[in-house]
C-alpha cells in the first residue's frame, strides 16, 4: 500500500494587470469551433502570430470538428499528440464508403473498401473495379440514378463477402438518408472490420462517434464530403498575414504534448465533465488527480490570453449520458476571476 503526500501550495502572480481568463459556453460543438476560429482571426489582426496561439484538448478526437472549420477558413495548422482527422486510416475507410455512394466511378475509394473485405486482394479488387467502372456504371445508369437500389442489386455474381458489401451500400445509398443516418447504418457492417484491422481499435472508437456527430449538421452527402476532403491550408491566413509569415501555423495539441511549452494565447476546448475529465477517470481517485494536473498544465500554458470553452448537450455513446456540465475543475470558480460568455446561433 502506497502513501500519498500532498504539499500545500499558494499560487500567486508577479505580473500586474492583464485580461481575466474567459469561460465560453457554446450551445453546440460546431459553435465552439466557430467561436475559436473567430477569436483566432481577432488575435491575428492584433498582431499575434499564429504559431503563438495554441488550442489544447484532452484527447486527439476532440479537435476533429475544429479541424474541419480551420480547413474551411484556410487557417494553416499543425497537430501534436495525434493524427489530423482526415489522415487517420479508419476515418479514411468511412469516407471511402461514402465516396462510392456519391460517385460509383471513384476507383480509389473502391480499391480501399474492397481491400478491407476478407479474402480480397489487389487483383480481385482490380477486376471488380473494372467491372463497375468500365461496364456497369454507364451513362444509362447515371440517368436513372446510382443512389437507387437497382444499381447496387446488379452484382449478384460476386463472392458472398463482396455481395455483403454491396448489400450494405444499397441500403445506405438512398438520397433521402442524411449523412448521419448513412453512417449509423454503415457502422454495424464496418465495426467488425475495424476491430479486426486495428489493434488499438478500442482507443479509436471515439473517432467513429465524433465522425457521426460531425455528420449530423449536414443534410446532404456532397457538402459533407467536400468539407472533409478540403486540403489543409499551406499558406498564412488570407489578407491579414504579414508578408514574412509564410511559415506561421496554428498549434493544435493534446495537453500531454504541451507540457513545458507556452504561447501568448491558449484555448482549452471541451472543458466538459465527461470529456475533461473523461467519464472513465471518475473510476479512480488517482486517475482523477491526473486529470486535474492536466487541467493545471493546460491553463498555465497561456502567457496573455486564456479561453476555456465547452459545448453543452453532447450525447456520449459509451456512457449513454448527455454531457452538459462544465468540467468539475472549473465549476464553482468565483465570478470575479473570470469573464463568462454564452455563444448561441443568435
Protein backbone atom coordinates (compact mmCIF):
# COMPACT_ATOMS: atom_id res chain seq x y z
CA UNK A 1 0.00 0.00 0.00
CA UNK A 2 1.40 3.38 -1.00
CA UNK A 3 1.04 6.56 1.00
CA UNK A 4 0.26 9.69 -0.96
CA UNK A 5 1.67 13.02 0.21
CA UNK A 6 0.12 16.35 -0.61
CA UNK A 7 2.13 19.53 -0.46
CA UNK A 8 0.31 22.78 0.24
CA UNK A 9 0.80 25.38 -2.49
CA UNK A 10 -0.07 29.05 -2.57
CA UNK A 11 -0.16 30.21 -6.18
CA UNK A 12 0.44 33.87 -7.00
CA UNK A 13 1.44 36.09 -9.90
CA UNK A 14 4.02 38.84 -10.08
CA UNK A 15 2.53 40.19 -13.30
CA UNK A 16 0.28 43.26 -12.87
CA UNK A 17 -2.87 43.81 -14.93
CA UNK A 18 -3.88 41.69 -17.90
CA UNK A 19 -7.14 40.12 -19.03
CA UNK A 20 -9.19 37.71 -16.96
CA UNK A 21 -9.46 34.14 -18.28
CA UNK A 22 -12.65 33.56 -20.28
CA UNK A 23 -15.11 30.71 -19.81
CA UNK A 24 -17.08 30.21 -23.02
CA UNK A 25 -20.26 28.11 -23.09
CA UNK A 26 -21.31 27.09 -26.62
CA UNK A 27 -24.72 25.66 -27.48
CA UNK A 28 -23.17 23.11 -29.88
CA UNK A 29 -19.80 21.62 -30.73
CA UNK A 30 -19.73 23.45 -34.04
CA UNK A 31 -20.47 26.79 -32.37
CA UNK A 32 -17.49 26.13 -30.12
CA UNK A 33 -15.33 25.61 -33.21
CA UNK A 34 -16.66 28.72 -34.93
CA UNK A 35 -16.04 30.81 -31.80
CA UNK A 36 -12.43 29.61 -31.68
CA UNK A 37 -11.97 30.46 -35.39
CA UNK A 38 -13.30 33.98 -34.90
CA UNK A 39 -11.11 34.64 -31.86
CA UNK A 40 -8.04 33.34 -33.72
CA UNK A 41 -8.74 35.81 -36.53
CA UNK A 42 -9.23 38.61 -33.98
CA UNK A 43 -5.95 37.78 -32.26
CA UNK A 44 -4.18 37.58 -35.60
CA UNK A 45 -5.42 41.06 -36.51
CA UNK A 46 -3.95 42.28 -33.20
CA UNK A 47 -0.55 41.15 -34.46
CA UNK A 48 -0.29 37.86 -32.56
CA UNK A 49 1.40 35.25 -34.75
CA UNK A 50 -0.45 32.02 -35.48
CA UNK A 51 2.39 29.98 -34.02
CA UNK A 52 1.95 31.86 -30.74
CA UNK A 53 -1.64 30.61 -30.45
CA UNK A 54 -2.44 27.08 -29.25
CA UNK A 55 -5.63 25.01 -29.00
CA UNK A 56 -5.28 22.33 -26.32
CA UNK A 57 -7.51 19.30 -25.70
CA UNK A 58 -7.61 16.21 -23.53
CA UNK A 59 -7.83 13.64 -26.36
CA UNK A 60 -6.96 13.78 -30.04
CA UNK A 61 -10.51 13.18 -31.34
CA UNK A 62 -11.75 16.35 -29.61
CA UNK A 63 -10.15 18.55 -32.27
CA UNK A 64 -11.88 16.90 -35.25
CA UNK A 65 -14.76 19.35 -35.65
CA UNK A 66 -12.37 22.28 -35.27
CA UNK A 67 -10.01 20.87 -37.91
CA UNK A 68 -12.79 20.88 -40.50
CA UNK A 69 -13.61 24.51 -39.70
CA UNK A 70 -9.94 25.51 -39.82
CA UNK A 71 -9.61 23.99 -43.28
CA UNK A 72 -12.75 25.83 -44.44
CA UNK A 73 -11.32 29.10 -43.07
CA UNK A 74 -7.90 28.49 -44.75
CA UNK A 75 -6.07 28.67 -41.42
CA UNK A 76 -2.90 26.52 -41.54
CA UNK A 77 -2.19 24.37 -38.51
CA UNK A 78 -0.01 21.60 -37.17
CA UNK A 79 -1.20 18.96 -34.72
CA UNK A 80 0.79 17.28 -31.97
CA UNK A 81 -0.29 14.24 -29.99
CA UNK A 82 -2.40 12.56 -32.67
CA UNK A 83 -3.18 12.42 -36.37
CA UNK A 84 -5.22 15.04 -38.13
CA UNK A 85 -8.82 13.94 -38.51
CA UNK A 86 -8.81 13.17 -42.22
CA UNK A 87 -5.37 11.50 -42.02
CA UNK A 88 -6.49 8.69 -39.70
CA UNK A 89 -6.82 5.35 -41.50
CA UNK A 90 -10.22 4.41 -40.04
CA UNK A 91 -11.74 7.78 -40.95
CA UNK A 92 -10.35 7.35 -44.47
CA UNK A 93 -12.16 3.98 -44.56
CA UNK A 94 -15.52 5.55 -43.69
CA UNK A 95 -15.02 8.38 -46.15
CA UNK A 96 -14.27 5.84 -48.90
CA UNK A 97 -17.59 4.04 -48.34
CA UNK A 98 -19.43 7.35 -48.64
CA UNK A 99 -17.46 8.42 -51.68
CA UNK A 100 -18.54 5.40 -53.72
CA UNK A 101 -22.14 6.18 -52.81
CA UNK A 102 -21.68 9.71 -54.11
CA UNK A 103 -19.66 8.64 -57.16
CA UNK A 104 -19.57 4.93 -58.17
CA UNK A 105 -16.74 5.69 -60.63
CA UNK A 106 -14.35 6.61 -57.79
CA UNK A 107 -11.78 3.86 -58.36
CA UNK A 108 -9.51 4.95 -55.49
CA UNK A 109 -12.34 4.71 -52.95
CA UNK A 110 -13.47 1.36 -54.39
CA UNK A 111 -9.96 -0.03 -54.07
CA UNK A 112 -9.77 0.96 -50.41
CA UNK A 113 -13.08 -0.59 -49.34
CA UNK A 114 -12.66 -3.75 -51.42
CA UNK A 115 -9.28 -4.44 -49.83
CA UNK A 116 -11.00 -4.27 -46.44
CA UNK A 117 -13.02 -7.36 -47.39
CA UNK A 118 -11.58 -10.67 -46.15
CA UNK A 119 -10.07 -12.69 -48.98
CA UNK A 120 -9.97 -9.82 -51.48
CA UNK A 121 -6.51 -8.92 -52.75
CA UNK A 122 -5.31 -6.31 -55.26
CA UNK A 123 -6.05 -8.48 -58.34
CA UNK A 124 -9.62 -9.28 -57.30
CA UNK A 125 -10.20 -5.64 -56.36
CA UNK A 126 -8.92 -4.53 -59.76
CA UNK A 127 -11.27 -6.90 -61.57
CA UNK A 128 -14.29 -5.73 -59.58
CA UNK A 129 -13.39 -2.07 -60.12
CA UNK A 130 -13.00 -2.64 -63.88
CA UNK A 131 -16.41 -4.30 -63.90
CA UNK A 132 -18.04 -1.42 -62.05
CA UNK A 133 -16.33 1.50 -63.77
CA UNK A 134 -15.94 0.19 -67.31
CA UNK A 135 -19.25 -1.64 -67.83
CA UNK A 136 -21.86 -1.15 -65.14
CA UNK A 137 -21.55 2.48 -64.07
CA UNK A 138 -22.61 3.63 -67.54
CA UNK A 139 -24.26 6.81 -68.70
CA UNK A 140 -27.57 4.93 -68.74
CA UNK A 141 -27.11 4.12 -65.06
CA UNK A 142 -26.38 7.79 -64.34
CA UNK A 143 -29.65 8.70 -66.00
CA UNK A 144 -31.65 6.51 -63.62
CA UNK A 145 -29.55 7.41 -60.59
CA UNK A 146 -26.87 5.35 -58.85
CA UNK A 147 -28.48 6.01 -55.48
CA UNK A 148 -31.37 3.70 -56.35
CA UNK A 149 -31.37 0.10 -55.05
CA UNK A 150 -31.45 -1.25 -58.62
CA UNK A 151 -27.89 -0.10 -59.26
CA UNK A 152 -26.50 -1.96 -56.25
CA UNK A 153 -28.52 -5.11 -56.93
CA UNK A 154 -26.68 -5.94 -60.17
CA UNK A 155 -23.67 -7.51 -58.54
CA UNK A 156 -25.06 -10.88 -57.50
CA UNK A 157 -22.35 -12.82 -59.32
CA UNK A 158 -19.68 -11.71 -56.88
CA UNK A 159 -18.49 -13.84 -53.91
CA UNK A 160 -20.58 -13.70 -50.74
CA UNK A 161 -18.39 -11.23 -48.84
CA UNK A 162 -18.36 -8.77 -51.72
CA UNK A 163 -22.12 -9.17 -52.11
CA UNK A 164 -22.44 -8.30 -48.43
CA UNK A 165 -20.56 -5.06 -49.10
CA UNK A 166 -22.88 -4.22 -51.97
CA UNK A 167 -25.95 -5.01 -49.89
CA UNK A 168 -24.74 -2.50 -47.29
CA UNK A 169 -24.05 0.12 -49.94
CA UNK A 170 -27.51 -0.45 -51.41
CA UNK A 171 -29.11 0.11 -48.01
CA UNK A 172 -27.31 3.39 -47.31
CA UNK A 173 -27.45 4.76 -50.87
CA UNK A 174 -30.94 6.38 -50.99
CA UNK A 175 -30.74 10.15 -51.23
CA UNK A 176 -33.37 10.76 -48.57
CA UNK A 177 -31.00 9.38 -45.93
CA UNK A 178 -28.99 12.15 -44.27
CA UNK A 179 -25.21 11.61 -43.96
CA UNK A 180 -25.51 10.84 -40.24
CA UNK A 181 -28.15 8.18 -40.97
CA UNK A 182 -25.96 6.63 -43.64
CA UNK A 183 -23.08 6.41 -41.17
CA UNK A 184 -25.30 4.94 -38.48
CA UNK A 185 -26.37 2.15 -40.86
CA UNK A 186 -22.84 1.64 -42.16
CA UNK A 187 -21.22 1.14 -38.74
CA UNK A 188 -22.67 -2.35 -37.99
CA UNK A 189 -21.03 -3.56 -41.22
CA UNK A 190 -17.75 -1.69 -40.67
CA UNK A 191 -17.17 -2.18 -36.94
CA UNK A 192 -16.16 -5.89 -37.15
CA UNK A 193 -13.70 -4.97 -39.93
CA UNK A 194 -12.48 -2.04 -37.84
CA UNK A 195 -11.91 -4.22 -34.74
CA UNK A 196 -10.03 -6.85 -36.73
CA UNK A 197 -7.91 -4.42 -38.73
CA UNK A 198 -6.70 -2.08 -35.98
CA UNK A 199 -5.01 -3.49 -32.87
CA UNK A 200 -5.82 -0.30 -30.94
CA UNK A 201 -9.43 -0.17 -32.16
CA UNK A 202 -10.72 0.39 -28.65
CA UNK A 203 -8.82 3.68 -28.45
CA UNK A 204 -10.12 4.71 -31.86
CA UNK A 205 -13.82 4.11 -31.16
CA UNK A 206 -14.38 7.70 -30.09
CA UNK A 207 -13.18 8.83 -33.52
CA UNK A 208 -16.06 6.96 -35.18
CA UNK A 209 -18.52 8.53 -32.76
CA UNK A 210 -17.16 12.01 -33.47
CA UNK A 211 -17.37 11.35 -37.23
CA UNK A 212 -21.08 10.62 -36.87
CA UNK A 213 -21.62 13.69 -34.70
CA UNK A 214 -19.95 15.96 -37.24
CA UNK A 215 -22.15 14.47 -39.98
CA UNK A 216 -25.30 15.45 -38.08
CA UNK A 217 -25.03 19.07 -39.15
CA UNK A 218 -25.17 18.16 -42.87
CA UNK A 219 -28.33 17.39 -44.82
CA UNK A 220 -26.65 16.11 -48.00
CA UNK A 221 -23.66 13.89 -48.64
CA UNK A 222 -21.98 16.11 -51.25
CA UNK A 223 -21.25 19.11 -48.98
CA UNK A 224 -20.17 16.78 -46.16
CA UNK A 225 -17.60 15.04 -48.37
CA UNK A 226 -16.42 18.35 -49.82
CA UNK A 227 -15.69 19.74 -46.36
CA UNK A 228 -13.95 16.53 -45.29
CA UNK A 229 -11.66 16.47 -48.29
CA UNK A 230 -10.59 20.12 -48.22
CA UNK A 231 -6.81 20.24 -48.26
CA UNK A 232 -5.34 21.88 -45.14
CA UNK A 233 -4.14 25.38 -45.90
CA UNK A 234 -0.42 25.65 -46.61
CA UNK A 235 -0.20 29.42 -46.62
CA UNK A 236 -0.90 32.02 -43.99
CA UNK A 237 -4.35 33.44 -43.34
CA UNK A 238 -5.54 35.39 -46.35
CA UNK A 239 -5.43 39.20 -46.21
CA UNK A 240 -4.30 39.55 -42.59
CA UNK A 241 -0.95 37.77 -42.67
CA UNK A 242 2.29 39.78 -42.92
CA UNK A 243 4.45 39.04 -45.95
CA UNK A 244 7.17 37.35 -43.88
CA UNK A 245 4.79 34.95 -42.13
CA UNK A 246 4.57 32.18 -44.72
CA UNK A 247 5.65 29.58 -42.17
CA UNK A 248 3.13 30.56 -39.50
CA UNK A 249 0.90 27.73 -38.37
CA UNK A 250 -1.60 27.49 -35.56
CA UNK A 251 -0.75 24.89 -32.90
CA UNK A 252 -3.22 22.09 -32.09
CA UNK A 253 -2.03 19.80 -29.33
CA UNK A 254 -3.08 17.30 -26.75
CA UNK A 255 -2.28 18.59 -23.28
CA UNK A 256 0.23 15.77 -22.75
CA UNK A 257 2.22 17.06 -25.71
CA UNK A 258 2.09 20.68 -24.48
CA UNK A 259 3.99 20.20 -21.21
CA UNK A 260 6.87 22.65 -20.88
CA UNK A 261 5.62 24.92 -23.69
CA UNK A 262 3.95 28.34 -23.57
CA UNK A 263 2.03 30.52 -26.00
CA UNK A 264 0.68 34.05 -25.98
CA UNK A 265 -2.90 32.81 -26.30
CA UNK A 266 -4.35 29.42 -25.39
CA UNK A 267 -7.75 27.84 -25.95
CA UNK A 268 -8.62 24.82 -23.80
CA UNK A 269 -11.56 23.21 -25.59
CA UNK A 270 -14.12 20.63 -24.42
CA UNK A 271 -13.74 21.54 -20.73
CA UNK A 272 -16.88 19.47 -20.28
CA UNK A 273 -17.44 16.98 -17.49
CA UNK A 274 -17.29 13.60 -19.18
CA UNK A 275 -14.80 14.83 -21.76
CA UNK A 276 -12.31 16.56 -19.43
CA UNK A 277 -12.17 14.81 -17.04
CA UNK A 278 -13.26 11.79 -19.02
CA UNK A 279 -16.09 9.63 -17.73
CA UNK A 280 -13.65 6.77 -17.08
CA UNK A 281 -11.39 8.96 -14.92
CA UNK A 282 -14.12 9.04 -12.26
CA UNK A 283 -13.47 5.34 -11.60
CA UNK A 284 -10.35 6.03 -9.55
CA UNK A 285 -9.02 8.84 -7.40
CA UNK A 286 -5.59 8.51 -8.99
CA UNK A 287 -6.99 8.97 -12.48
CA UNK A 288 -8.99 12.00 -11.39
CA UNK A 289 -5.89 13.59 -9.85
CA UNK A 290 -4.02 13.06 -13.13
CA UNK A 291 -6.86 14.79 -14.98
CA UNK A 292 -6.67 17.70 -12.53
CA UNK A 293 -2.94 18.03 -13.14
CA UNK A 294 -3.57 18.09 -16.87
CA UNK A 295 -6.07 20.93 -16.49
CA UNK A 296 -3.45 22.82 -14.47
CA UNK A 297 -0.87 22.22 -17.20
CA UNK A 298 -3.30 23.39 -19.91
CA UNK A 299 -4.28 26.61 -18.17
CA UNK A 300 -0.71 27.56 -17.28
CA UNK A 301 0.45 27.38 -20.91
CA UNK A 302 -1.10 30.83 -21.60
CA UNK A 303 1.04 33.95 -21.15
CA UNK A 304 -1.57 36.60 -22.05
CA UNK A 305 -4.96 35.21 -23.13
CA UNK A 306 -6.74 32.10 -21.85
CA UNK A 307 -10.06 30.85 -23.21
CA UNK A 308 -11.66 27.76 -21.65
CA UNK A 309 -14.55 26.53 -23.77
CA UNK A 310 -17.13 23.78 -23.63
CA UNK A 311 -20.22 22.80 -25.65
CA UNK A 312 -23.38 21.51 -23.97
CA UNK A 313 -25.94 18.76 -24.61
CA UNK A 314 -23.38 16.33 -26.02
CA UNK A 315 -24.50 12.70 -26.17
CA UNK A 316 -21.81 10.28 -25.02
CA UNK A 317 -22.36 6.93 -26.69
CA UNK A 318 -20.19 4.95 -24.26
CA UNK A 319 -21.95 6.05 -21.08
CA UNK A 320 -25.37 6.77 -22.58
CA UNK A 321 -25.32 10.16 -20.85
CA UNK A 322 -25.96 13.66 -22.14
CA UNK A 323 -23.00 15.81 -21.13
CA UNK A 324 -23.95 19.38 -20.20
CA UNK A 325 -21.97 20.37 -17.11
CA UNK A 326 -18.69 22.27 -17.13
CA UNK A 327 -15.59 20.40 -16.06
CA UNK A 328 -15.57 19.96 -12.31
CA UNK A 329 -12.16 21.63 -12.37
CA UNK A 330 -13.69 24.96 -13.42
CA UNK A 331 -17.19 24.65 -11.93
CA UNK A 332 -17.79 26.96 -8.99
CA UNK A 333 -14.87 29.31 -9.60
CA UNK A 334 -15.56 32.83 -8.28
CA UNK A 335 -17.18 35.12 -10.85
CA UNK A 336 -14.68 37.90 -10.17
CA UNK A 337 -11.86 35.71 -11.52
CA UNK A 338 -13.45 35.04 -14.92
CA UNK A 339 -15.24 36.51 -17.88
CA UNK A 340 -18.12 34.20 -18.84
CA UNK A 341 -19.62 34.13 -22.34
CA UNK A 342 -22.52 32.15 -23.78
CA UNK A 343 -22.44 31.51 -27.55
CA UNK A 344 -25.60 30.56 -29.45
CA UNK A 345 -26.88 30.82 -33.01
CA UNK A 346 -28.35 34.26 -32.44
